[in-house]
Amino acid sequence: MLLGSLLGKKVLTLDGVHVGEVEDLEVSESWKVEKLILRLKREVARELGMRLALRPRGAVKVERVRGVGDYITLAVEGSKLREVLEPL
């Protein structure tokens, strides 16, 4: 899979909550993808108590990704999103 194909993909939780879309990737010095940088939906950012910037963003470690296909599924339910999402 090409990394560029991940950009713009919708990100969902296990229970189907649409979190946002992949905006960027964080890559380590050894060229390993470490985190997905997400452009969050405003409703999700508000529910998480994040400051509502023009483009609310957050990061999630790739270890929290359950699957990649037409969309990206996180290995967490919407109620636990606060535990895995780092505000940016």
N, C-alpha and C. Protein backbone atom coordinates (compact mmCIF):
# COMPACT_ATOMS: atom_id res chain seq x y z
N MET A 1 0.84 -1.17 0.00
CA MET A 1 0.00 0.00 0.00
C MET A 1 0.89 1.24 0.00
N LEU A 2 0.55 2.20 -0.81
CA LEU A 2 1.26 3.47 -0.85
C LEU A 2 0.78 4.37 0.28
N LEU A 3 1.72 5.00 0.96
CA LEU A 3 1.34 5.85 2.08
C LEU A 3 0.43 6.99 1.64
N GLY A 4 0.66 7.51 0.46
CA GLY A 4 -0.17 8.60 -0.05
C GLY A 4 -1.63 8.22 -0.19
N SER A 5 -1.90 6.93 -0.32
CA SER A 5 -3.29 6.48 -0.46
C SER A 5 -4.05 6.58 0.86
N LEU A 6 -3.33 6.76 1.97
CA LEU A 6 -3.99 6.92 3.26
C LEU A 6 -4.52 8.34 3.47
N LEU A 7 -3.90 9.31 2.81
CA LEU A 7 -4.31 10.70 2.98
C LEU A 7 -5.74 10.90 2.52
N GLY A 8 -6.52 11.53 3.37
CA GLY A 8 -7.92 11.81 3.05
C GLY A 8 -8.88 10.69 3.41
N LYS A 9 -8.37 9.52 3.84
CA LYS A 9 -9.26 8.42 4.21
C LYS A 9 -10.02 8.76 5.48
N LYS A 10 -11.29 8.36 5.52
CA LYS A 10 -12.10 8.53 6.72
C LYS A 10 -11.59 7.61 7.81
N VAL A 11 -11.67 8.09 9.05
CA VAL A 11 -11.26 7.31 10.21
C VAL A 11 -12.49 7.10 11.09
N LEU A 12 -12.74 5.82 11.40
CA LEU A 12 -13.89 5.43 12.21
C LEU A 12 -13.44 4.67 13.45
N THR A 13 -14.26 4.72 14.50
CA THR A 13 -14.00 3.89 15.67
C THR A 13 -14.67 2.53 15.46
N LEU A 14 -14.44 1.61 16.39
CA LEU A 14 -15.04 0.28 16.29
C LEU A 14 -16.56 0.32 16.20
N ASP A 15 -17.17 1.28 16.89
CA ASP A 15 -18.63 1.38 16.88
C ASP A 15 -19.16 2.35 15.82
N GLY A 16 -18.30 2.70 14.85
CA GLY A 16 -18.77 3.45 13.69
C GLY A 16 -18.79 4.96 13.82
N VAL A 17 -18.19 5.53 14.86
CA VAL A 17 -18.14 6.98 14.99
C VAL A 17 -17.12 7.52 14.00
N HIS A 18 -17.55 8.45 13.16
CA HIS A 18 -16.66 9.09 12.19
C HIS A 18 -15.86 10.16 12.92
N VAL A 19 -14.56 9.92 13.08
CA VAL A 19 -13.68 10.79 13.83
C VAL A 19 -13.16 11.94 12.98
N GLY A 20 -12.80 11.65 11.74
CA GLY A 20 -12.24 12.65 10.84
C GLY A 20 -11.56 11.98 9.68
N GLU A 21 -10.56 12.66 9.11
CA GLU A 21 -9.82 12.14 7.97
C GLU A 21 -8.32 12.23 8.24
N VAL A 22 -7.56 11.36 7.58
CA VAL A 22 -6.10 11.40 7.70
C VAL A 22 -5.59 12.61 6.93
N GLU A 23 -4.85 13.45 7.64
CA GLU A 23 -4.30 14.66 7.04
C GLU A 23 -2.81 14.51 6.75
N ASP A 24 -2.12 13.75 7.59
CA ASP A 24 -0.67 13.61 7.44
C ASP A 24 -0.23 12.36 8.19
N LEU A 25 1.05 12.03 8.07
CA LEU A 25 1.64 10.87 8.74
C LEU A 25 2.89 11.32 9.46
N GLU A 26 3.13 10.78 10.65
CA GLU A 26 4.37 11.04 11.35
C GLU A 26 5.28 9.84 11.16
N VAL A 27 6.47 10.07 10.63
CA VAL A 27 7.40 9.00 10.29
C VAL A 27 8.65 9.16 11.15
N SER A 28 9.17 8.04 11.69
CA SER A 28 10.37 8.07 12.52
C SER A 28 11.61 8.21 11.64
N GLU A 29 12.76 8.38 12.28
CA GLU A 29 14.03 8.48 11.56
C GLU A 29 14.35 7.18 10.82
N SER A 30 13.80 6.08 11.30
CA SER A 30 14.03 4.79 10.64
C SER A 30 12.96 4.49 9.58
N TRP A 31 12.20 5.49 9.20
CA TRP A 31 11.20 5.42 8.14
C TRP A 31 10.00 4.55 8.50
N LYS A 32 9.69 4.45 9.76
CA LYS A 32 8.52 3.70 10.20
C LYS A 32 7.39 4.70 10.50
N VAL A 33 6.20 4.42 10.01
CA VAL A 33 5.06 5.29 10.31
C VAL A 33 4.70 5.09 11.77
N GLU A 34 4.74 6.18 12.53
CA GLU A 34 4.48 6.13 13.97
C GLU A 34 3.04 6.54 14.32
N LYS A 35 2.57 7.61 13.66
CA LYS A 35 1.25 8.16 14.00
C LYS A 35 0.52 8.63 12.76
N LEU A 36 -0.79 8.59 12.85
CA LEU A 36 -1.65 9.22 11.85
C LEU A 36 -2.06 10.57 12.41
N ILE A 37 -1.91 11.60 11.61
CA ILE A 37 -2.36 12.94 11.99
C ILE A 37 -3.73 13.13 11.37
N LEU A 38 -4.72 13.39 12.22
CA LEU A 38 -6.11 13.46 11.76
C LEU A 38 -6.63 14.88 11.79
N ARG A 39 -7.41 15.22 10.78
CA ARG A 39 -8.22 16.44 10.80
C ARG A 39 -9.55 15.98 11.40
N LEU A 40 -9.82 16.45 12.59
CA LEU A 40 -10.99 15.97 13.33
C LEU A 40 -12.26 16.68 12.92
N LYS A 41 -13.35 15.96 13.01
CA LYS A 41 -14.65 16.59 12.83
C LYS A 41 -14.85 17.53 14.02
N ARG A 42 -15.45 18.66 13.78
CA ARG A 42 -15.64 19.65 14.84
C ARG A 42 -16.46 19.09 16.00
N GLU A 43 -17.45 18.25 15.69
CA GLU A 43 -18.28 17.67 16.75
C GLU A 43 -17.45 16.77 17.67
N VAL A 44 -16.54 16.01 17.07
CA VAL A 44 -15.67 15.12 17.84
C VAL A 44 -14.74 15.94 18.72
N ALA A 45 -14.11 16.96 18.15
CA ALA A 45 -13.21 17.82 18.92
C ALA A 45 -13.96 18.47 20.08
N ARG A 46 -15.17 18.92 19.85
CA ARG A 46 -15.98 19.55 20.89
C ARG A 46 -16.28 18.54 22.00
N GLU A 47 -16.67 17.32 21.63
CA GLU A 47 -16.98 16.28 22.62
C GLU A 47 -15.76 15.92 23.46
N LEU A 48 -14.58 16.02 22.87
CA LEU A 48 -13.35 15.70 23.59
C LEU A 48 -12.82 16.88 24.40
N GLY A 49 -13.52 18.01 24.33
CA GLY A 49 -13.12 19.18 25.08
C GLY A 49 -11.91 19.89 24.51
N MET A 50 -11.67 19.71 23.23
CA MET A 50 -10.52 20.34 22.59
C MET A 50 -10.87 21.76 22.16
N ARG A 51 -9.85 22.59 22.13
CA ARG A 51 -10.03 23.95 21.63
C ARG A 51 -10.41 23.88 20.16
N LEU A 52 -11.43 24.58 19.78
CA LEU A 52 -11.90 24.52 18.39
C LEU A 52 -11.15 25.53 17.54
N ALA A 53 -10.05 25.10 16.98
CA ALA A 53 -9.30 25.91 16.04
C ALA A 53 -10.01 25.84 14.69
N LEU A 54 -9.47 26.54 13.72
CA LEU A 54 -10.06 26.47 12.38
C LEU A 54 -10.08 25.04 11.87
N ARG A 55 -9.02 24.30 12.16
CA ARG A 55 -8.92 22.91 11.73
C ARG A 55 -8.45 22.08 12.90
N PRO A 56 -9.36 21.60 13.75
CA PRO A 56 -8.92 20.79 14.89
C PRO A 56 -8.21 19.53 14.43
N ARG A 57 -7.08 19.24 15.10
CA ARG A 57 -6.28 18.09 14.70
C ARG A 57 -5.92 17.25 15.91
N GLY A 58 -5.63 15.99 15.64
CA GLY A 58 -5.19 15.07 16.68
C GLY A 58 -4.33 14.00 16.05
N ALA A 59 -3.60 13.27 16.90
CA ALA A 59 -2.73 12.20 16.43
C ALA A 59 -3.11 10.91 17.13
N VAL A 60 -2.98 9.83 16.41
CA VAL A 60 -3.23 8.50 16.98
C VAL A 60 -2.10 7.58 16.54
N LYS A 61 -1.56 6.81 17.48
CA LYS A 61 -0.47 5.90 17.17
C LYS A 61 -0.99 4.78 16.27
N VAL A 62 -0.13 4.32 15.36
CA VAL A 62 -0.55 3.28 14.41
C VAL A 62 -0.89 1.97 15.11
N GLU A 63 -0.39 1.76 16.33
CA GLU A 63 -0.74 0.56 17.08
C GLU A 63 -2.24 0.51 17.41
N ARG A 64 -2.88 1.66 17.36
CA ARG A 64 -4.32 1.75 17.65
C ARG A 64 -5.19 1.58 16.41
N VAL A 65 -4.57 1.30 15.27
CA VAL A 65 -5.31 1.06 14.03
C VAL A 65 -5.63 -0.42 13.93
N ARG A 66 -6.89 -0.73 13.73
CA ARG A 66 -7.32 -2.12 13.62
C ARG A 66 -7.30 -2.60 12.18
N GLY A 67 -7.69 -1.73 11.25
CA GLY A 67 -7.73 -2.14 9.86
C GLY A 67 -7.73 -0.96 8.91
N VAL A 68 -7.28 -1.25 7.68
CA VAL A 68 -7.24 -0.24 6.62
C VAL A 68 -7.90 -0.84 5.39
N GLY A 69 -8.85 -0.13 4.84
CA GLY A 69 -9.53 -0.55 3.63
C GLY A 69 -10.08 0.69 2.96
N ASP A 70 -11.39 0.70 2.70
CA ASP A 70 -12.02 1.90 2.16
C ASP A 70 -11.96 3.04 3.17
N TYR A 71 -11.85 2.69 4.45
CA TYR A 71 -11.67 3.65 5.53
C TYR A 71 -10.74 3.01 6.55
N ILE A 72 -10.31 3.79 7.52
CA ILE A 72 -9.41 3.29 8.57
C ILE A 72 -10.23 3.09 9.83
N THR A 73 -10.11 1.91 10.42
CA THR A 73 -10.82 1.60 11.66
C THR A 73 -9.84 1.60 12.81
N LEU A 74 -10.17 2.37 13.85
CA LEU A 74 -9.37 2.37 15.06
C LEU A 74 -9.80 1.23 15.97
N ALA A 75 -8.88 0.70 16.74
CA ALA A 75 -9.17 -0.40 17.65
C ALA A 75 -9.65 0.13 19.00
N VAL A 76 -10.63 1.02 18.94
CA VAL A 76 -11.19 1.62 20.14
C VAL A 76 -12.61 2.08 19.83
N GLU A 77 -13.47 2.05 20.83
CA GLU A 77 -14.83 2.56 20.65
C GLU A 77 -14.84 4.06 20.87
N GLY A 78 -15.87 4.70 20.38
CA GLY A 78 -15.97 6.15 20.48
C GLY A 78 -15.89 6.68 21.89
N SER A 79 -16.42 5.94 22.86
CA SER A 79 -16.40 6.39 24.25
C SER A 79 -14.99 6.37 24.84
N LYS A 80 -14.06 5.66 24.22
CA LYS A 80 -12.67 5.56 24.71
C LYS A 80 -11.70 6.39 23.86
N LEU A 81 -12.22 7.18 22.93
CA LEU A 81 -11.40 7.93 22.00
C LEU A 81 -10.44 8.88 22.72
N ARG A 82 -10.88 9.48 23.79
CA ARG A 82 -10.06 10.42 24.56
C ARG A 82 -8.75 9.78 25.02
N GLU A 83 -8.77 8.47 25.27
CA GLU A 83 -7.59 7.76 25.78
C GLU A 83 -6.51 7.56 24.72
N VAL A 84 -6.88 7.56 23.44
CA VAL A 84 -5.90 7.25 22.39
C VAL A 84 -5.57 8.43 21.49
N LEU A 85 -6.33 9.51 21.56
CA LEU A 85 -6.14 10.64 20.67
C LEU A 85 -5.34 11.75 21.36
N GLU A 86 -4.23 12.13 20.76
CA GLU A 86 -3.40 13.22 21.28
C GLU A 86 -3.81 14.51 20.58
N PRO A 87 -4.23 15.52 21.32
CA PRO A 87 -4.55 16.80 20.68
C PRO A 87 -3.29 17.45 20.13
N LEU A 88 -3.41 18.13 19.01
CA LEU A 88 -2.27 18.85 18.42
C LEU A 88 -2.55 20.33 18.38
